[in-house]
Amino acid sequence: MRSFAIYMAAALAEIGGCFAFWAWLRLSKSALWVLPGMAALALFAYLLTRVDSTFAGRAYASYGGVYIASSLLWLWIVEGARPDRWDLIGAAICFLGAAVILFGPRPA
């Protein structure tokens, strides 16, 4: 459960950080948006190091499903576009895959 909470916090930091760049470059917001964006992306990288995983690649791979689901929540809550059934089915498949990667049995 701790890993899931860290992944959720990491997703919020990553999506928020990337959105800051999106706002600057695509929505013509001030370049000052980049500063909190960079801080959020640094927080994202730090948070991924807190996940209980022996290997970085496995931590990143399992994070992918959480990122996808969180991105769709961002789409809905922040951008006001409701995910459709295909978005939700795809996110569920990815989330299941992430759980298999993270919690699958490993030889000692």
N, C-alpha and C. Protein backbone atom coordinates (compact mmCIF):
# COMPACT_ATOMS: atom_id res chain seq x y z
N MET A 1 0.82 -1.19 0.00
CA MET A 1 0.00 0.00 0.00
C MET A 1 0.87 1.26 0.00
N ARG A 2 2.03 1.19 0.65
CA ARG A 2 2.94 2.34 0.69
C ARG A 2 3.41 2.68 -0.72
N SER A 3 3.75 1.65 -1.50
CA SER A 3 4.21 1.90 -2.87
C SER A 3 3.14 2.60 -3.69
N PHE A 4 1.89 2.20 -3.52
CA PHE A 4 0.80 2.83 -4.27
C PHE A 4 0.68 4.30 -3.91
N ALA A 5 0.79 4.63 -2.63
CA ALA A 5 0.70 6.03 -2.21
C ALA A 5 1.85 6.85 -2.80
N ILE A 6 3.04 6.26 -2.81
CA ILE A 6 4.18 6.95 -3.40
C ILE A 6 3.97 7.15 -4.90
N TYR A 7 3.48 6.11 -5.57
CA TYR A 7 3.22 6.23 -7.00
C TYR A 7 2.17 7.31 -7.30
N MET A 8 1.16 7.40 -6.48
CA MET A 8 0.13 8.43 -6.70
C MET A 8 0.73 9.83 -6.53
N ALA A 9 1.55 10.00 -5.50
CA ALA A 9 2.21 11.30 -5.29
C ALA A 9 3.16 11.60 -6.45
N ALA A 10 3.89 10.59 -6.90
CA ALA A 10 4.81 10.77 -8.02
C ALA A 10 4.05 11.15 -9.29
N ALA A 11 2.92 10.51 -9.51
CA ALA A 11 2.12 10.82 -10.70
C ALA A 11 1.63 12.26 -10.67
N LEU A 12 1.16 12.71 -9.52
CA LEU A 12 0.70 14.09 -9.39
C LEU A 12 1.85 15.06 -9.67
N ALA A 13 3.02 14.75 -9.13
CA ALA A 13 4.18 15.62 -9.36
C ALA A 13 4.59 15.62 -10.84
N GLU A 14 4.63 14.43 -11.44
CA GLU A 14 5.05 14.36 -12.84
C GLU A 14 4.05 15.04 -13.77
N ILE A 15 2.79 14.73 -13.60
CA ILE A 15 1.77 15.32 -14.48
C ILE A 15 1.70 16.83 -14.27
N GLY A 16 1.76 17.27 -13.02
CA GLY A 16 1.75 18.70 -12.75
C GLY A 16 2.96 19.39 -13.35
N GLY A 17 4.13 18.77 -13.21
CA GLY A 17 5.34 19.35 -13.78
C GLY A 17 5.29 19.43 -15.29
N CYS A 18 4.83 18.36 -15.91
CA CYS A 18 4.72 18.36 -17.38
C CYS A 18 3.66 19.35 -17.84
N PHE A 19 2.56 19.45 -17.09
CA PHE A 19 1.51 20.40 -17.46
C PHE A 19 2.01 21.84 -17.39
N ALA A 20 2.92 22.12 -16.46
CA ALA A 20 3.48 23.47 -16.38
C ALA A 20 4.18 23.83 -17.69
N PHE A 21 4.93 22.89 -18.26
CA PHE A 21 5.57 23.14 -19.55
C PHE A 21 4.52 23.24 -20.66
N TRP A 22 3.50 22.38 -20.60
CA TRP A 22 2.40 22.43 -21.57
C TRP A 22 1.74 23.81 -21.53
N ALA A 23 1.48 24.31 -20.31
CA ALA A 23 0.83 25.62 -20.16
C ALA A 23 1.70 26.72 -20.77
N TRP A 24 3.01 26.66 -20.54
CA TRP A 24 3.91 27.66 -21.08
C TRP A 24 3.98 27.59 -22.61
N LEU A 25 4.21 26.39 -23.14
CA LEU A 25 4.47 26.26 -24.57
C LEU A 25 3.22 26.11 -25.43
N ARG A 26 2.17 25.57 -24.90
CA ARG A 26 0.97 25.32 -25.71
C ARG A 26 -0.19 26.25 -25.38
N LEU A 27 -0.21 26.75 -24.13
CA LEU A 27 -1.32 27.61 -23.73
C LEU A 27 -0.89 29.07 -23.57
N SER A 28 0.34 29.37 -23.99
CA SER A 28 0.89 30.73 -23.97
C SER A 28 0.88 31.37 -22.58
N LYS A 29 1.12 30.55 -21.55
CA LYS A 29 1.26 31.10 -20.20
C LYS A 29 2.67 31.62 -20.03
N SER A 30 2.91 32.32 -18.94
CA SER A 30 4.22 32.89 -18.65
C SER A 30 5.29 31.79 -18.54
N ALA A 31 6.50 32.15 -18.93
CA ALA A 31 7.63 31.22 -18.79
C ALA A 31 7.91 30.91 -17.32
N LEU A 32 7.37 31.71 -16.42
CA LEU A 32 7.54 31.44 -14.99
C LEU A 32 6.87 30.13 -14.57
N TRP A 33 5.97 29.61 -15.38
CA TRP A 33 5.36 28.31 -15.11
C TRP A 33 6.42 27.21 -15.08
N VAL A 34 7.55 27.43 -15.75
CA VAL A 34 8.60 26.42 -15.82
C VAL A 34 9.23 26.16 -14.45
N LEU A 35 9.34 27.17 -13.62
CA LEU A 35 10.01 27.00 -12.32
C LEU A 35 9.29 25.99 -11.42
N PRO A 36 7.99 26.14 -11.15
CA PRO A 36 7.33 25.11 -10.35
C PRO A 36 7.27 23.78 -11.10
N GLY A 37 7.25 23.84 -12.42
CA GLY A 37 7.25 22.61 -13.21
C GLY A 37 8.52 21.81 -12.99
N MET A 38 9.66 22.50 -12.97
CA MET A 38 10.93 21.81 -12.74
C MET A 38 11.01 21.27 -11.32
N ALA A 39 10.50 22.02 -10.36
CA ALA A 39 10.50 21.54 -8.98
C ALA A 39 9.61 20.30 -8.85
N ALA A 40 8.47 20.32 -9.51
CA ALA A 40 7.57 19.16 -9.46
C ALA A 40 8.21 17.94 -10.11
N LEU A 41 8.93 18.13 -11.20
CA LEU A 41 9.59 17.00 -11.86
C LEU A 41 10.74 16.46 -11.02
N ALA A 42 11.44 17.32 -10.29
CA ALA A 42 12.48 16.84 -9.38
C ALA A 42 11.86 16.05 -8.23
N LEU A 43 10.72 16.52 -7.72
CA LEU A 43 10.01 15.77 -6.67
C LEU A 43 9.56 14.42 -7.19
N PHE A 44 9.07 14.38 -8.41
CA PHE A 44 8.68 13.12 -9.04
C PHE A 44 9.84 12.13 -9.05
N ALA A 45 11.00 12.56 -9.49
CA ALA A 45 12.17 11.67 -9.56
C ALA A 45 12.56 11.19 -8.16
N TYR A 46 12.53 12.08 -7.20
CA TYR A 46 12.84 11.69 -5.82
C TYR A 46 11.85 10.65 -5.31
N LEU A 47 10.57 10.87 -5.53
CA LEU A 47 9.55 9.95 -5.02
C LEU A 47 9.72 8.55 -5.58
N LEU A 48 10.10 8.44 -6.85
CA LEU A 48 10.28 7.10 -7.41
C LEU A 48 11.41 6.33 -6.72
N THR A 49 12.36 7.04 -6.11
CA THR A 49 13.43 6.34 -5.39
C THR A 49 12.94 5.80 -4.05
N ARG A 50 11.77 6.19 -3.61
CA ARG A 50 11.22 5.76 -2.32
C ARG A 50 10.39 4.48 -2.44
N VAL A 51 10.14 4.02 -3.64
CA VAL A 51 9.36 2.80 -3.85
C VAL A 51 10.19 1.59 -3.43
N ASP A 52 9.54 0.64 -2.77
CA ASP A 52 10.22 -0.57 -2.31
C ASP A 52 10.42 -1.53 -3.48
N SER A 53 11.53 -1.33 -4.19
CA SER A 53 11.88 -2.18 -5.33
C SER A 53 13.40 -2.28 -5.39
N THR A 54 13.89 -3.46 -5.66
CA THR A 54 15.33 -3.67 -5.74
C THR A 54 15.92 -3.03 -6.99
N PHE A 55 15.12 -2.99 -8.07
CA PHE A 55 15.61 -2.49 -9.35
C PHE A 55 14.82 -1.28 -9.82
N ALA A 56 15.53 -0.28 -10.29
CA ALA A 56 14.89 0.95 -10.77
C ALA A 56 13.95 0.67 -11.93
N GLY A 57 14.39 -0.15 -12.88
CA GLY A 57 13.57 -0.43 -14.05
C GLY A 57 12.22 -1.03 -13.70
N ARG A 58 12.20 -1.91 -12.69
CA ARG A 58 10.93 -2.51 -12.27
C ARG A 58 10.04 -1.48 -11.59
N ALA A 59 10.64 -0.60 -10.81
CA ALA A 59 9.86 0.47 -10.17
C ALA A 59 9.26 1.38 -11.22
N TYR A 60 10.03 1.71 -12.26
CA TYR A 60 9.53 2.60 -13.32
C TYR A 60 8.45 1.91 -14.14
N ALA A 61 8.65 0.65 -14.44
CA ALA A 61 7.68 -0.10 -15.26
C ALA A 61 6.34 -0.21 -14.54
N SER A 62 6.39 -0.53 -13.26
CA SER A 62 5.13 -0.67 -12.53
C SER A 62 4.46 0.69 -12.32
N TYR A 63 5.23 1.75 -12.28
CA TYR A 63 4.69 3.10 -12.17
C TYR A 63 3.86 3.47 -13.41
N GLY A 64 4.20 2.89 -14.54
CA GLY A 64 3.53 3.25 -15.79
C GLY A 64 2.02 3.13 -15.73
N GLY A 65 1.51 2.07 -15.13
CA GLY A 65 0.06 1.90 -15.02
C GLY A 65 -0.59 2.97 -14.17
N VAL A 66 0.08 3.31 -13.07
CA VAL A 66 -0.44 4.37 -12.20
C VAL A 66 -0.42 5.70 -12.94
N TYR A 67 0.63 5.95 -13.71
CA TYR A 67 0.73 7.19 -14.47
C TYR A 67 -0.43 7.32 -15.46
N ILE A 68 -0.73 6.24 -16.15
CA ILE A 68 -1.80 6.28 -17.15
C ILE A 68 -3.15 6.58 -16.48
N ALA A 69 -3.44 5.86 -15.42
CA ALA A 69 -4.71 6.09 -14.71
C ALA A 69 -4.77 7.52 -14.16
N SER A 70 -3.66 7.99 -13.60
CA SER A 70 -3.61 9.35 -13.05
C SER A 70 -3.76 10.40 -14.14
N SER A 71 -3.19 10.13 -15.31
CA SER A 71 -3.33 11.06 -16.43
C SER A 71 -4.78 11.21 -16.85
N LEU A 72 -5.50 10.11 -16.82
CA LEU A 72 -6.93 10.18 -17.18
C LEU A 72 -7.72 10.93 -16.12
N LEU A 73 -7.34 10.80 -14.85
CA LEU A 73 -7.99 11.61 -13.81
C LEU A 73 -7.69 13.08 -14.02
N TRP A 74 -6.46 13.40 -14.39
CA TRP A 74 -6.08 14.79 -14.69
C TRP A 74 -6.93 15.31 -15.85
N LEU A 75 -7.05 14.49 -16.89
CA LEU A 75 -7.86 14.85 -18.05
C LEU A 75 -9.26 15.27 -17.61
N TRP A 76 -9.83 14.49 -16.72
CA TRP A 76 -11.20 14.72 -16.28
C TRP A 76 -11.31 15.89 -15.30
N ILE A 77 -10.47 15.89 -14.26
CA ILE A 77 -10.60 16.87 -13.18
C ILE A 77 -10.06 18.24 -13.58
N VAL A 78 -8.88 18.28 -14.17
CA VAL A 78 -8.22 19.56 -14.47
C VAL A 78 -8.64 20.11 -15.82
N GLU A 79 -8.68 19.23 -16.84
CA GLU A 79 -8.96 19.71 -18.19
C GLU A 79 -10.44 19.63 -18.57
N GLY A 80 -11.24 18.98 -17.74
CA GLY A 80 -12.68 18.97 -17.96
C GLY A 80 -13.17 18.06 -19.07
N ALA A 81 -12.34 17.13 -19.54
CA ALA A 81 -12.75 16.18 -20.58
C ALA A 81 -12.91 14.81 -19.94
N ARG A 82 -14.10 14.29 -19.98
CA ARG A 82 -14.38 13.00 -19.33
C ARG A 82 -13.80 11.84 -20.15
N PRO A 83 -13.03 10.96 -19.50
CA PRO A 83 -12.49 9.80 -20.22
C PRO A 83 -13.63 8.93 -20.75
N ASP A 84 -13.43 8.35 -21.93
CA ASP A 84 -14.45 7.47 -22.48
C ASP A 84 -14.17 6.02 -22.05
N ARG A 85 -15.02 5.11 -22.48
CA ARG A 85 -14.87 3.72 -22.04
C ARG A 85 -13.56 3.12 -22.51
N TRP A 86 -13.06 3.52 -23.66
CA TRP A 86 -11.80 2.98 -24.16
C TRP A 86 -10.62 3.47 -23.34
N ASP A 87 -10.70 4.71 -22.89
CA ASP A 87 -9.68 5.23 -21.97
C ASP A 87 -9.67 4.38 -20.69
N LEU A 88 -10.84 4.12 -20.15
CA LEU A 88 -10.95 3.39 -18.89
C LEU A 88 -10.53 1.93 -19.03
N ILE A 89 -10.92 1.30 -20.12
CA ILE A 89 -10.51 -0.09 -20.35
C ILE A 89 -8.99 -0.17 -20.49
N GLY A 90 -8.42 0.72 -21.28
CA GLY A 90 -6.97 0.73 -21.46
C GLY A 90 -6.24 0.98 -20.15
N ALA A 91 -6.74 1.90 -19.34
CA ALA A 91 -6.11 2.19 -18.05
C ALA A 91 -6.20 0.99 -17.12
N ALA A 92 -7.32 0.30 -17.13
CA ALA A 92 -7.48 -0.88 -16.28
C ALA A 92 -6.48 -1.97 -16.67
N ILE A 93 -6.32 -2.17 -17.96
CA ILE A 93 -5.35 -3.17 -18.43
C ILE A 93 -3.94 -2.79 -17.98
N CYS A 94 -3.57 -1.53 -18.14
CA CYS A 94 -2.24 -1.07 -17.75
C CYS A 94 -2.04 -1.17 -16.24
N PHE A 95 -3.06 -0.82 -15.48
CA PHE A 95 -2.98 -0.86 -14.03
C PHE A 95 -2.79 -2.30 -13.55
N LEU A 96 -3.49 -3.22 -14.16
CA LEU A 96 -3.33 -4.64 -13.83
C LEU A 96 -1.90 -5.09 -14.15
N GLY A 97 -1.40 -4.70 -15.30
CA GLY A 97 -0.02 -5.04 -15.67
C GLY A 97 0.99 -4.48 -14.68
N ALA A 98 0.77 -3.26 -14.25
CA ALA A 98 1.68 -2.65 -13.27
C ALA A 98 1.65 -3.43 -11.96
N ALA A 99 0.48 -3.87 -11.54
CA ALA A 99 0.37 -4.65 -10.30
C ALA A 99 1.11 -5.97 -10.42
N VAL A 100 1.00 -6.62 -11.58
CA VAL A 100 1.72 -7.88 -11.80
C VAL A 100 3.22 -7.65 -11.71
N ILE A 101 3.72 -6.60 -12.33
CA ILE A 101 5.14 -6.29 -12.28
C ILE A 101 5.60 -6.02 -10.85
N LEU A 102 4.85 -5.21 -10.13
CA LEU A 102 5.26 -4.80 -8.80
C LEU A 102 5.12 -5.90 -7.76
N PHE A 103 4.02 -6.66 -7.81
CA PHE A 103 3.73 -7.61 -6.75
C PHE A 103 3.93 -9.07 -7.13
N GLY A 104 4.36 -9.32 -8.36
CA GLY A 104 4.59 -10.71 -8.78
C GLY A 104 5.66 -11.39 -7.94
N PRO A 105 5.51 -12.71 -7.73
CA PRO A 105 6.51 -13.40 -6.91
C PRO A 105 7.87 -13.44 -7.60
N ARG A 106 8.89 -13.24 -6.84
CA ARG A 106 10.25 -13.23 -7.36
C ARG A 106 11.07 -14.27 -6.61
N PRO A 107 11.99 -14.92 -7.32
CA PRO A 107 12.87 -15.85 -6.62
C PRO A 107 13.76 -15.11 -5.62
N ALA A 108 14.05 -15.75 -4.53
CA ALA A 108 14.84 -15.11 -3.47
C ALA A 108 16.28 -14.92 -3.83
